[in-house]
Amino acid sequence: MPVCPNCKYEYVNGITKCPDCGEDLVDELPPEVVLNEADWVVVYTTSFDYEAEMLKGNLESAGISVMILSQKDSSFPAPGDLSIIKLLVKKEDADNAVTFLNEFKKNLESEDEEDEA
């Protein structure tokens, strides 16, 4: 059965384009890549989704592959925010990512100081 490589939906024979996204259908999907956790390291942790997403976007704009691992559990009733959101990068990009994040933080702090003056 034809399948969309983008949406992963299967269609009946005879359909050649995905009606949802317009991609050409293929006969089978390529094998999924299995991520090896030993290839990734944590470079930043936060409690805020928006902060993780913002930093992910900035790191990706610098050509660094990033994954977000969220361990939020909204069903756990407790005061405060006990969730941890981790930014992971490939081991070979870790030094560049940490340097980038430190520079980014330094730039934010200098902007805050300028705003206060």
Protein backbone atom coordinates (compact mmCIF):
# COMPACT_ATOMS: atom_id res chain seq x y z
CA MET A 1 0.00 0.00 0.00
CA PRO A 2 1.28 3.47 -0.80
CA VAL A 3 2.32 5.53 2.20
CA CYS A 4 3.14 9.21 2.68
CA PRO A 5 6.78 9.71 3.72
CA ASN A 6 5.80 12.93 5.50
CA CYS A 7 2.50 12.11 7.27
CA LYS A 8 3.10 8.34 7.54
CA TYR A 9 -0.50 7.60 6.48
CA GLU A 10 -1.29 4.61 4.27
CA TYR A 11 -3.56 4.97 1.24
CA VAL A 12 -5.34 2.61 -1.11
CA ASN A 13 -3.62 1.56 -4.33
CA GLY A 14 -4.02 4.06 -7.15
CA ILE A 15 -3.46 7.18 -5.06
CA THR A 16 -0.10 8.78 -5.85
CA LYS A 17 -0.14 12.04 -3.86
CA CYS A 18 -0.94 12.62 -0.20
CA PRO A 19 -4.21 14.56 0.00
CA ASP A 20 -3.10 16.14 3.29
CA CYS A 21 0.39 17.47 2.48
CA GLY A 22 0.82 16.93 -1.28
CA GLU A 23 3.90 14.66 -0.98
CA ASP A 24 4.40 11.90 -3.53
CA LEU A 25 3.51 8.55 -1.96
CA VAL A 26 6.10 5.76 -1.74
CA ASP A 27 5.72 1.99 -1.61
CA GLU A 28 7.40 1.70 1.78
CA LEU A 29 8.99 3.96 4.36
CA PRO A 30 12.73 3.88 4.95
CA PRO A 31 13.75 2.19 8.21
CA GLU A 32 13.46 4.46 11.22
CA VAL A 33 16.69 5.74 12.68
CA VAL A 34 17.19 4.57 16.23
CA LEU A 35 18.79 7.19 18.42
CA ASN A 36 21.55 5.99 20.66
CA GLU A 37 21.44 7.85 23.98
CA ALA A 38 25.21 7.55 24.28
CA ASP A 39 25.53 9.91 21.29
CA TRP A 40 23.67 12.77 23.04
CA VAL A 41 24.56 14.91 26.07
CA VAL A 42 22.56 17.35 28.19
CA VAL A 43 23.78 20.93 27.77
CA TYR A 44 20.95 22.82 29.49
CA THR A 45 18.04 22.20 31.84
CA THR A 46 15.05 24.39 32.56
CA SER A 47 11.53 24.27 33.96
CA PHE A 48 10.01 26.30 31.15
CA ASP A 49 8.85 24.97 27.77
CA TYR A 50 9.19 28.37 26.10
CA GLU A 51 12.82 28.70 27.22
CA ALA A 52 13.73 25.25 25.90
CA GLU A 53 12.01 25.96 22.56
CA MET A 54 13.70 29.36 22.24
CA LEU A 55 17.16 27.94 22.94
CA LYS A 56 16.53 25.00 20.62
CA GLY A 57 15.68 27.40 17.81
CA ASN A 58 18.79 29.46 18.45
CA LEU A 59 21.07 26.42 18.57
CA GLU A 60 19.54 25.02 15.38
CA SER A 61 20.11 28.38 13.66
CA ALA A 62 23.80 27.89 14.54
CA GLY A 63 23.76 24.49 12.82
CA ILE A 64 23.62 22.41 16.02
CA SER A 65 21.16 19.49 16.18
CA VAL A 66 19.03 19.65 19.33
CA MET A 67 16.47 17.43 21.03
CA ILE A 68 14.19 18.41 23.88
CA LEU A 69 13.49 15.82 26.56
CA SER A 70 10.58 16.91 28.71
CA GLN A 71 9.86 15.14 31.95
CA LYS A 72 6.82 17.21 32.80
CA ASP A 73 4.05 15.42 34.63
CA SER A 74 0.99 17.62 34.92
CA SER A 75 -0.89 14.87 36.77
CA PHE A 76 1.42 15.10 39.78
CA PRO A 77 -0.15 17.58 42.20
CA ALA A 78 2.59 19.40 44.09
CA PRO A 79 3.37 22.99 44.90
CA GLY A 80 6.06 24.58 42.74
CA ASP A 81 7.44 23.34 39.48
CA LEU A 82 9.14 19.97 39.79
CA SER A 83 9.46 19.38 36.06
CA ILE A 84 12.76 19.20 34.26
CA ILE A 85 13.17 19.90 30.58
CA LYS A 86 16.54 18.99 29.09
CA LEU A 87 18.23 20.22 25.93
CA LEU A 88 20.37 17.50 24.39
CA VAL A 89 22.92 17.86 21.61
CA LYS A 90 25.17 15.38 19.85
CA LYS A 91 28.41 14.72 21.74
CA GLU A 92 30.53 16.20 18.98
CA ASP A 93 28.49 19.45 19.16
CA ALA A 94 28.51 19.75 22.97
CA ASP A 95 31.42 22.18 23.28
CA ASN A 96 30.04 24.44 20.54
CA ALA A 97 26.58 24.32 22.10
CA VAL A 98 27.83 25.26 25.58
CA THR A 99 29.91 28.10 24.13
CA PHE A 100 26.91 29.30 22.13
CA LEU A 101 24.61 29.15 25.17
CA ASN A 102 27.11 31.03 27.34
CA GLU A 103 27.46 33.78 24.70
CA PHE A 104 23.69 33.92 24.31
CA LYS A 105 23.25 34.30 28.07
CA LYS A 106 25.98 36.98 28.22
CA ASN A 107 24.25 38.93 25.42
CA LEU A 108 20.91 38.74 27.22
CA GLU A 109 22.47 40.01 30.44
CA SER A 110 24.13 42.94 28.65
CA GLU A 111 20.81 43.83 26.99
CA ASP A 112 19.12 43.79 30.41
CA GLU A 113 21.79 46.12 31.80
CA GLU A 114 21.29 48.52 28.87
CA ASP A 115 17.53 48.50 29.43
CA GLU A 116 18.01 49.38 33.11
CA ALA A 117 20.33 52.31 32.32
